């Protein structure tokens, strides 16, 4: 039952699409409880930081934000206003009660699997003079409890199908902050997808820490893989596009590769992190694949869908990496050719096996290797975009641009597209004649009907 409430909340989201999805669900839960959202943290009765533990010094950045929010809380208290501060997400899961020890102004620490209890926990924080730490892993309870109809905030909507990871890469905190792999049942995903389509979503982005390991229960009780799920979601009226991320090379099955050739709604884009081109580094990372296997896998994907845009992740300067290892990564990038990629210098994550390794690469060496790799990746991205010059492609427009008659959307290959047309194209798919290409975006014209 919704309680009478005129309170406001401020919600800041860090990190990945999974966190964006979780923030949307928290916002829906708070709206049902009578809260309204504000963009002014100084005017918020409830402040939530939905945190990410992947990037360098993630926890320290959260504590820095909390210091500023504590000052706002103190100021509001002098004015007779109370403020509840909540830390959510992966930093909350990893740090737990350490957060309230280091920053006593925090009232609530809540892990990613307990968001369905957010309104209840807020009431406890308001009425009891104690810090609350909720970091359990209750499986599907989170999704079962958050069963109000989804609203589509844009034509492209996130749908979490899988959480957690069982791979235990030595650099990664996900198995410790999100737990073991868990796949949601097919029927629940279909129901949620229909609600999103009814609310105006044209594209579904299927999310998971290891999304292609999906093995959810199907209507007959038999487990279904991601390819079968995609085929079922593609049959939902109104769904024009489907994407998925993030994948692991070891779970790129033959039927999923075939789906890229056979399901028109499945976009020609694949984010498949390789992390390194050195077998020695891949072994140290516990990635469970080799460079040659990755290259062979890409060849099979391209045989099924020749125009596919490939994206990947790279870690530079992993402990013990030599110049030879770094050059093997460069060689893999040249052999594959990427439409886009994300690359980062290695930084230790407390509690992960790699953080304890003694042979750390000097920071200046990491920086030099990262610059070399990024220069090559930027060149490849620019070349991929340049191939679209003069072509016409369908673009799903998400919002108006800054200029009159301008709209911004995404191509089938996930390129950002700025286009000018006569009419209102927000939420619609329209053909765009590409007139200009840059490294990170395209520009074009929407021909008159």
Protein backbone atom coordinates (compact mmCIF):
# COMPACT_ATOMS: atom_id res chain seq x y z
CA UNK A 1 0.00 0.00 0.00
CA UNK A 2 1.33 3.42 -0.93
CA UNK A 3 1.77 5.73 2.01
CA UNK A 4 1.00 9.45 1.95
CA UNK A 5 4.30 11.08 1.11
CA UNK A 6 5.49 14.37 -0.31
CA UNK A 7 9.19 13.60 0.08
CA UNK A 8 11.82 14.00 -2.60
CA UNK A 9 14.82 11.87 -3.55
CA UNK A 10 18.06 12.44 -5.44
CA UNK A 11 19.56 9.43 -7.22
CA UNK A 12 23.07 9.38 -8.71
CA UNK A 13 24.05 6.39 -10.84
CA UNK A 14 27.62 5.27 -11.46
CA UNK A 15 28.91 2.72 -13.94
CA UNK A 16 27.32 0.14 -16.17
CA UNK A 17 23.95 -0.41 -17.81
CA UNK A 18 23.05 -2.86 -15.05
CA UNK A 19 23.22 0.01 -12.59
CA UNK A 20 21.10 2.18 -14.87
CA UNK A 21 18.49 -0.59 -14.95
CA UNK A 22 18.63 -0.98 -11.16
CA UNK A 23 18.26 2.78 -10.69
CA UNK A 24 15.17 2.77 -12.89
CA UNK A 25 13.63 0.03 -10.77
CA UNK A 26 14.48 1.85 -7.53
CA UNK A 27 12.89 5.01 -8.94
CA UNK A 28 9.72 3.04 -9.75
CA UNK A 29 9.61 1.61 -6.21
CA UNK A 30 10.06 5.06 -4.70
CA UNK A 31 7.38 6.55 -6.95
CA UNK A 32 4.93 3.88 -5.77
CA UNK A 33 5.79 4.92 -2.23
CA UNK A 34 4.96 8.56 -2.97
CA UNK A 35 8.42 10.01 -3.52
CA UNK A 36 9.15 12.51 -6.29
CA UNK A 37 12.56 12.87 -7.91
CA UNK A 38 14.67 16.03 -7.72
CA UNK A 39 17.86 17.00 -9.53
CA UNK A 40 18.85 19.27 -6.62
CA UNK A 41 20.68 17.22 -4.00
CA UNK A 42 20.26 20.08 -1.53
CA UNK A 43 16.49 19.73 -1.75
CA UNK A 44 16.37 15.95 -1.28
CA UNK A 45 14.95 14.16 1.74
CA UNK A 46 16.59 10.97 0.47
CA UNK A 47 19.94 10.76 -1.33
CA UNK A 48 20.95 7.49 -3.03
CA UNK A 49 24.32 6.77 -4.60
CA UNK A 50 24.05 3.69 -6.83
CA UNK A 51 27.70 2.77 -7.06
CA UNK A 52 30.02 0.81 -9.34
CA UNK A 53 33.18 -1.00 -8.23
CA UNK A 54 34.76 -1.58 -11.63
CA UNK A 55 36.67 1.64 -12.21
CA UNK A 56 39.85 2.75 -10.48
CA UNK A 57 39.48 4.07 -6.94
CA UNK A 58 35.70 3.63 -7.15
CA UNK A 59 35.22 3.42 -3.39
CA UNK A 60 37.31 6.54 -2.74
CA UNK A 61 35.23 8.52 -5.22
CA UNK A 62 32.10 7.43 -3.37
CA UNK A 63 33.55 8.54 -0.02
CA UNK A 64 34.44 11.89 -1.57
CA UNK A 65 30.82 12.35 -2.69
CA UNK A 66 29.59 11.27 0.72
CA UNK A 67 31.66 13.99 2.39
CA UNK A 68 29.87 16.65 0.36
CA UNK A 69 26.48 15.06 0.98
CA UNK A 70 27.20 14.88 4.73
CA UNK A 71 27.72 18.66 4.71
CA UNK A 72 24.37 19.11 2.94
CA UNK A 73 22.73 16.82 5.50
CA UNK A 74 24.17 18.91 8.36
CA UNK A 75 22.95 22.15 6.76
CA UNK A 76 19.45 20.77 6.25
CA UNK A 77 19.35 19.52 9.84
CA UNK A 78 20.08 23.03 11.12
CA UNK A 79 17.05 24.14 9.10
CA UNK A 80 14.91 21.44 10.72
CA UNK A 81 14.99 19.05 7.74
CA UNK A 82 16.04 15.42 7.95
CA UNK A 83 18.01 13.65 5.22
CA UNK A 84 18.45 9.91 4.70
CA UNK A 85 21.66 8.90 2.89
CA UNK A 86 21.76 5.51 1.19
CA UNK A 87 24.67 3.85 -0.60
CA UNK A 88 23.59 1.16 -3.06
CA UNK A 89 25.26 -0.98 -5.71
CA UNK A 90 28.54 -2.84 -5.92
CA UNK A 91 30.61 -0.59 -3.65
CA UNK A 92 27.89 -1.07 -1.03
CA UNK A 93 28.10 -4.83 -1.47
CA UNK A 94 31.90 -4.87 -1.34
CA UNK A 95 32.40 -2.42 1.52
CA UNK A 96 29.36 -3.23 3.70
CA UNK A 97 29.57 -1.83 7.22
CA UNK A 98 32.94 -0.25 6.42
CA UNK A 99 30.96 2.52 4.70
CA UNK A 100 29.08 3.50 7.86
CA UNK A 101 32.29 3.22 9.89
CA UNK A 102 34.15 5.61 7.59
CA UNK A 103 31.17 7.88 6.99
CA UNK A 104 28.69 7.77 9.91
CA UNK A 105 26.33 10.14 8.08
CA UNK A 106 25.28 7.20 5.90
CA UNK A 107 22.02 5.68 7.15
CA UNK A 108 21.57 2.75 4.77
CA UNK A 109 23.90 0.43 2.84
CA UNK A 110 22.03 -1.79 0.39
CA UNK A 111 23.40 -4.35 -2.05
CA UNK A 112 22.20 -4.92 -5.63
CA UNK A 113 19.95 -7.88 -4.72
CA UNK A 114 17.91 -6.08 -2.06
CA UNK A 115 16.46 -3.09 -3.91
CA UNK A 116 12.93 -4.45 -3.62
CA UNK A 117 13.19 -3.75 0.13
CA UNK A 118 14.25 -0.13 -0.35
CA UNK A 119 11.03 1.61 0.89
CA UNK A 120 10.86 -0.65 3.95
CA UNK A 121 14.53 -0.06 4.77
CA UNK A 122 14.13 3.70 4.38
CA UNK A 123 11.34 3.68 6.97
CA UNK A 124 13.61 1.78 9.33
CA UNK A 125 16.40 4.28 8.74
CA UNK A 126 14.02 7.16 9.45
CA UNK A 127 12.62 5.71 12.66
CA UNK A 128 15.58 3.95 14.23
CA UNK A 129 18.89 5.43 15.31
CA UNK A 130 20.98 2.68 13.74
CA UNK A 131 22.91 2.08 10.58
CA UNK A 132 21.29 -0.50 8.32
CA UNK A 133 23.42 -2.81 6.15
CA UNK A 134 21.51 -5.11 3.78
CA UNK A 135 23.81 -7.12 1.50
CA UNK A 136 22.23 -10.55 1.11
CA UNK A 137 21.86 -12.51 -2.16
CA UNK A 138 18.17 -13.57 -2.27
CA UNK A 139 18.10 -14.77 -5.91
CA UNK A 140 14.94 -13.92 -7.86
CA UNK A 141 13.23 -12.27 -4.89
CA UNK A 142 14.35 -8.84 -6.13
CA UNK A 143 12.68 -9.27 -9.52
CA UNK A 144 9.57 -10.99 -8.12
CA UNK A 145 8.94 -8.18 -5.65
CA UNK A 146 9.49 -5.42 -8.22
CA UNK A 147 6.54 -6.50 -10.34
CA UNK A 148 4.79 -3.19 -11.01
CA UNK A 149 4.34 -2.45 -14.73
CA UNK A 150 7.54 -1.14 -16.28
CA UNK A 151 7.57 2.27 -17.91
CA UNK A 152 9.73 2.95 -20.94
CA UNK A 153 11.67 6.17 -20.42
CA UNK A 154 12.98 6.06 -24.00
CA UNK A 155 12.45 3.97 -27.15
CA UNK A 156 15.41 1.84 -26.03
CA UNK A 157 14.81 -0.02 -22.76
CA UNK A 158 17.06 -2.13 -20.56
CA UNK A 159 15.88 -5.59 -19.50
CA UNK A 160 18.04 -7.51 -17.03
CA UNK A 161 17.88 -11.21 -17.92
CA UNK A 162 20.86 -12.50 -15.93
CA UNK A 163 22.93 -11.38 -12.95
CA UNK A 164 26.15 -12.48 -11.34
CA UNK A 165 29.12 -14.38 -12.72
CA UNK A 166 30.80 -17.74 -12.10
CA UNK A 167 33.96 -17.07 -14.12
CA UNK A 168 36.12 -15.51 -11.35
CA UNK A 169 38.51 -13.56 -13.56
CA UNK A 170 41.37 -12.60 -11.26
CA UNK A 171 40.91 -8.84 -11.78
CA UNK A 172 37.13 -8.72 -11.29
CA UNK A 173 34.93 -8.05 -8.24
CA UNK A 174 31.60 -9.02 -9.88
CA UNK A 175 31.34 -12.56 -8.39
CA UNK A 176 31.81 -11.00 -4.96
CA UNK A 177 29.45 -8.02 -5.42
CA UNK A 178 26.71 -9.52 -7.62
CA UNK A 179 26.97 -13.16 -6.59
CA UNK A 180 26.69 -16.38 -8.57
CA UNK A 181 25.07 -16.53 -11.99
CA UNK A 182 21.30 -16.35 -11.86
CA UNK A 183 18.96 -16.35 -14.88
CA UNK A 184 15.41 -15.05 -14.76
CA UNK A 185 12.57 -17.29 -16.05
CA UNK A 186 11.54 -16.80 -19.67
CA UNK A 187 7.87 -16.14 -18.85
CA UNK A 188 8.74 -13.26 -16.52
CA UNK A 189 11.02 -11.71 -19.10
CA UNK A 190 8.39 -12.00 -21.82
CA UNK A 191 5.81 -10.34 -19.56
CA UNK A 192 8.17 -7.48 -18.72
CA UNK A 193 9.11 -7.06 -22.37
CA UNK A 194 5.44 -6.81 -23.36
CA UNK A 195 4.91 -4.12 -20.74
CA UNK A 196 7.87 -2.17 -22.11
CA UNK A 197 6.61 -2.53 -25.67
CA UNK A 198 3.15 -1.36 -24.63
CA UNK A 199 4.78 1.67 -22.98
CA UNK A 200 6.57 2.62 -26.21
CA UNK A 201 9.86 0.71 -26.19
CA UNK A 202 11.04 -0.24 -29.68
CA UNK A 203 14.39 -1.70 -28.66
CA UNK A 204 15.29 -4.12 -25.87
CA UNK A 205 18.83 -4.22 -24.52
CA UNK A 206 19.23 -7.51 -22.65
CA UNK A 207 21.61 -7.11 -19.74
CA UNK A 208 23.73 -9.44 -17.67
CA UNK A 209 27.19 -9.51 -16.16
CA UNK A 210 27.65 -12.62 -18.32
CA UNK A 211 24.54 -12.37 -20.45
CA UNK A 212 25.29 -15.13 -22.96
CA UNK A 213 25.51 -17.61 -20.07
CA UNK A 214 21.74 -17.11 -19.71
CA UNK A 215 19.90 -20.38 -18.96
CA UNK A 216 16.47 -19.39 -17.68
CA UNK A 217 13.56 -21.73 -17.08
CA UNK A 218 11.27 -21.97 -20.09
CA UNK A 219 7.49 -22.51 -20.11
CA UNK A 220 7.91 -26.29 -20.26
CA UNK A 221 10.38 -26.32 -17.38
CA UNK A 222 13.35 -26.88 -19.69
CA UNK A 223 16.22 -24.37 -19.46
CA UNK A 224 16.51 -22.03 -22.45
CA UNK A 225 19.64 -20.30 -23.67
CA UNK A 226 20.00 -16.69 -24.76
CA UNK A 227 19.39 -17.49 -28.43
CA UNK A 228 16.01 -19.08 -27.67
CA UNK A 229 15.07 -16.16 -25.44
CA UNK A 230 15.96 -13.68 -28.19
CA UNK A 231 13.80 -15.54 -30.71
CA UNK A 232 10.81 -15.43 -28.33
CA UNK A 233 11.26 -11.74 -27.53
CA UNK A 234 11.53 -10.97 -31.23
CA UNK A 235 7.94 -12.22 -31.67
CA UNK A 236 6.54 -9.53 -29.35
CA UNK A 237 4.57 -6.88 -31.23
CA UNK A 238 6.31 -3.52 -31.26
CA UNK A 239 9.83 -4.80 -30.62
CA UNK A 240 11.92 -3.73 -33.60
CA UNK A 241 15.42 -4.18 -32.21
CA UNK A 242 17.22 -6.43 -29.71
CA UNK A 243 20.76 -6.12 -28.36
CA UNK A 244 22.58 -7.87 -25.52
CA UNK A 245 25.64 -7.22 -23.35
CA UNK A 246 28.05 -8.09 -21.81
CA UNK A 247 29.20 -11.47 -23.15
CA UNK A 248 32.02 -13.91 -22.44
CA UNK A 249 33.83 -15.67 -25.32
CA UNK A 250 33.41 -19.07 -23.63
CA UNK A 251 29.62 -18.75 -23.78
CA UNK A 252 29.29 -17.67 -27.43
CA UNK A 253 27.32 -20.72 -28.59
CA UNK A 254 26.58 -21.88 -32.13
CA UNK A 255 22.87 -21.14 -31.78
CA UNK A 256 23.59 -17.59 -30.60
CA UNK A 257 25.88 -17.02 -33.57
CA UNK A 258 23.12 -18.39 -35.84
CA UNK A 259 20.60 -16.01 -34.30
CA UNK A 260 22.66 -13.08 -35.60
CA UNK A 261 22.05 -14.38 -39.11
CA UNK A 262 18.44 -15.49 -38.68
CA UNK A 263 16.67 -13.00 -36.36
CA UNK A 264 16.09 -9.66 -38.12
CA UNK A 265 15.44 -7.85 -34.83
CA UNK A 266 18.86 -8.86 -33.45
CA UNK A 267 21.12 -5.93 -34.30
CA UNK A 268 24.50 -6.45 -36.03
CA UNK A 269 26.50 -5.45 -32.96
CA UNK A 270 28.46 -7.65 -30.55
CA UNK A 271 30.34 -6.58 -27.43
CA UNK A 272 32.67 -9.49 -26.67
CA UNK A 273 35.49 -8.62 -24.24
CA UNK A 274 38.84 -10.28 -24.92
CA UNK A 275 40.90 -8.26 -22.36
CA UNK A 276 44.31 -9.18 -23.84
CA UNK A 277 45.94 -10.68 -26.91
CA UNK A 278 48.56 -12.49 -24.85
CA UNK A 279 47.87 -16.10 -23.88
CA UNK A 280 50.16 -15.65 -20.89
CA UNK A 281 48.09 -12.72 -19.64
CA UNK A 282 44.80 -14.45 -20.41
CA UNK A 283 45.92 -17.37 -18.25
CA UNK A 284 46.92 -15.00 -15.44
CA UNK A 285 43.50 -13.33 -15.75
CA UNK A 286 41.72 -16.72 -15.63
CA UNK A 287 39.85 -15.81 -18.81
CA UNK A 288 39.52 -19.46 -19.96
CA UNK A 289 40.12 -18.66 -23.64
CA UNK A 290 43.15 -18.10 -25.85
CA UNK A 291 43.88 -15.40 -28.38
CA UNK A 292 43.64 -17.79 -31.34
CA UNK A 293 40.32 -19.13 -30.06
CA UNK A 294 38.96 -15.61 -29.88
CA UNK A 295 40.09 -14.83 -33.43
CA UNK A 296 38.52 -18.08 -34.69
CA UNK A 297 35.29 -17.25 -32.84
CA UNK A 298 35.14 -13.81 -34.49
CA UNK A 299 35.61 -15.46 -37.89
CA UNK A 300 32.57 -17.68 -37.20
CA UNK A 301 30.49 -14.68 -36.12
CA UNK A 302 31.47 -12.75 -39.25
CA UNK A 303 30.64 -15.75 -41.44
CA UNK A 304 27.12 -15.64 -40.02
CA UNK A 305 26.75 -11.85 -40.09
CA UNK A 306 29.43 -10.25 -42.32
CA UNK A 307 28.49 -6.64 -41.50
CA UNK A 308 28.57 -7.08 -37.71
CA UNK A 309 30.15 -4.30 -35.63
CA UNK A 310 32.51 -5.70 -33.01
CA UNK A 311 33.27 -4.15 -29.65
CA UNK A 312 35.56 -5.33 -26.88
CA UNK A 313 37.26 -4.52 -23.56
CA UNK A 314 41.02 -4.41 -22.97
CA UNK A 315 43.06 -4.25 -19.78
CA UNK A 316 46.53 -2.75 -20.24
CA UNK A 317 49.34 -3.28 -17.76
CA UNK A 318 48.00 -6.34 -15.97
CA UNK A 319 50.54 -7.54 -13.35
CA UNK A 320 53.52 -9.15 -15.07
CA UNK A 321 52.66 -7.85 -18.56
CA UNK A 322 55.75 -7.45 -20.74
CA UNK A 323 56.32 -5.46 -23.93
CA UNK A 324 55.92 -8.73 -25.85
CA UNK A 325 52.52 -9.30 -24.20
CA UNK A 326 51.46 -5.76 -25.08
CA UNK A 327 52.51 -6.25 -28.70
CA UNK A 328 50.47 -9.47 -28.87
CA UNK A 329 47.41 -7.42 -27.88
CA UNK A 330 48.18 -4.95 -30.68
CA UNK A 331 48.50 -7.88 -33.10
CA UNK A 332 45.10 -9.27 -32.06
CA UNK A 333 43.45 -5.86 -32.56
CA UNK A 334 44.95 -5.63 -36.05
CA UNK A 335 43.79 -9.17 -36.85
CA UNK A 336 40.20 -8.61 -35.70
CA UNK A 337 39.35 -4.96 -36.43
CA UNK A 338 36.90 -3.34 -34.02
CA UNK A 339 34.11 -0.83 -34.58
CA UNK A 340 34.58 0.43 -31.03
CA UNK A 341 36.25 -0.68 -27.83
CA UNK A 342 36.90 0.20 -24.21
CA UNK A 343 40.45 0.09 -22.87
CA UNK A 344 41.76 0.79 -19.39
CA UNK A 345 44.91 0.65 -17.34
CA UNK A 346 44.84 -2.15 -14.79
CA UNK A 347 44.14 -1.03 -11.25
CA UNK A 348 43.92 -3.41 -8.27
CA UNK A 349 40.51 -4.25 -6.79
CA UNK A 350 40.73 -5.15 -3.10
CA UNK A 351 39.90 -8.79 -2.47
CA UNK A 352 40.66 -9.99 -6.01
CA UNK A 353 43.55 -12.42 -6.64
CA UNK A 354 45.34 -10.05 -9.03
CA UNK A 355 45.56 -7.34 -6.37
CA UNK A 356 47.95 -9.55 -4.38
CA UNK A 357 50.36 -10.14 -7.27
CA UNK A 358 53.79 -8.67 -6.65
CA UNK A 359 54.87 -7.90 -10.23
CA UNK A 360 52.90 -4.68 -10.82
CA UNK A 361 53.61 -2.71 -14.01
CA UNK A 362 54.88 0.87 -13.46
CA UNK A 363 52.26 3.55 -14.08
CA UNK A 364 54.20 5.34 -16.81
CA UNK A 365 54.65 2.06 -18.70
CA UNK A 366 50.90 1.36 -18.47
CA UNK A 367 50.16 4.85 -19.79
CA UNK A 368 52.44 4.44 -22.80
CA UNK A 369 50.96 1.07 -23.71
CA UNK A 370 47.41 2.36 -23.28
CA UNK A 371 48.07 5.31 -25.60
CA UNK A 372 49.44 2.99 -28.31
CA UNK A 373 46.46 0.68 -28.05
CA UNK A 374 43.90 3.48 -27.99
CA UNK A 375 45.45 5.15 -31.04
CA UNK A 376 44.95 1.93 -33.00
CA UNK A 377 41.41 1.39 -31.70
CA UNK A 378 40.48 5.00 -32.52
CA UNK A 379 41.81 4.54 -36.04
CA UNK A 380 39.73 1.38 -36.48
CA UNK A 381 36.58 3.04 -35.15
CA UNK A 382 37.04 5.96 -37.53
CA UNK A 383 37.57 3.59 -40.46
CA UNK A 384 34.43 1.60 -39.59
CA UNK A 385 32.34 4.77 -39.43
CA UNK A 386 33.88 6.12 -42.65
CA UNK A 387 32.53 3.08 -44.54
CA UNK A 388 28.99 4.32 -43.90
CA UNK A 389 29.52 7.62 -45.73
CA UNK A 390 27.00 7.93 -48.56
CA UNK A 391 24.90 5.02 -47.35
CA UNK A 392 21.33 5.06 -46.05
CA UNK A 393 20.53 3.23 -42.82
CA UNK A 394 17.61 2.92 -40.38
CA UNK A 395 18.07 4.92 -37.18
CA UNK A 396 15.99 4.64 -34.01
CA UNK A 397 15.69 8.19 -32.70
CA UNK A 398 15.76 8.63 -28.93
CA UNK A 399 15.54 12.40 -28.42
CA UNK A 400 15.63 15.81 -30.11
CA UNK A 401 19.01 17.42 -30.71
CA UNK A 402 20.14 20.91 -29.81
CA UNK A 403 19.48 22.42 -33.23
CA UNK A 404 16.08 23.00 -34.87
CA UNK A 405 14.90 19.90 -36.73
CA UNK A 406 17.75 17.77 -35.34
CA UNK A 407 17.22 14.35 -33.77
CA UNK A 408 19.65 11.95 -32.11
CA UNK A 409 19.51 8.18 -32.32
CA UNK A 410 21.42 4.97 -32.90
CA UNK A 411 22.23 3.05 -36.05
CA UNK A 412 21.92 -0.75 -36.17
CA UNK A 413 25.67 -0.79 -35.39
CA UNK A 414 25.17 1.30 -32.20
CA UNK A 415 26.73 4.39 -33.76
CA UNK A 416 25.46 7.71 -32.45
CA UNK A 417 23.64 9.51 -35.27
CA UNK A 418 22.69 13.20 -35.54
CA UNK A 419 20.17 13.78 -38.31
CA UNK A 420 17.99 16.62 -39.57
CA UNK A 421 14.45 16.05 -40.79
CA UNK A 422 11.09 17.67 -41.24
CA UNK A 423 8.73 16.38 -38.53
CA UNK A 424 8.98 14.77 -35.09
CA UNK A 425 11.04 11.58 -35.17
CA UNK A 426 11.52 10.97 -31.43
CA UNK A 427 10.62 7.36 -30.68
CA UNK A 428 10.52 6.45 -34.36
CA UNK A 429 12.77 4.58 -36.76
CA UNK A 430 13.58 6.44 -39.97
CA UNK A 431 16.09 6.06 -42.78
CA UNK A 432 19.04 8.45 -42.69
CA UNK A 433 21.31 9.35 -45.57
CA UNK A 434 24.79 9.62 -44.00
CA UNK A 435 26.53 12.82 -45.10
CA UNK A 436 29.39 13.08 -42.60
CA UNK A 437 31.33 10.67 -40.39
CA UNK A 438 33.48 11.24 -37.35
CA UNK A 439 35.28 8.80 -35.08
CA UNK A 440 32.44 8.59 -32.56
CA UNK A 441 29.35 9.67 -34.50
CA UNK A 442 27.60 10.09 -37.84
CA UNK A 443 25.60 12.97 -39.29
CA UNK A 444 22.94 12.82 -41.93
CA UNK A 445 19.60 13.83 -43.36
CA UNK A 446 16.19 12.19 -43.01
CA UNK A 447 14.78 12.21 -46.57
CA UNK A 448 11.29 13.61 -46.99
CA UNK A 449 8.60 10.94 -47.25
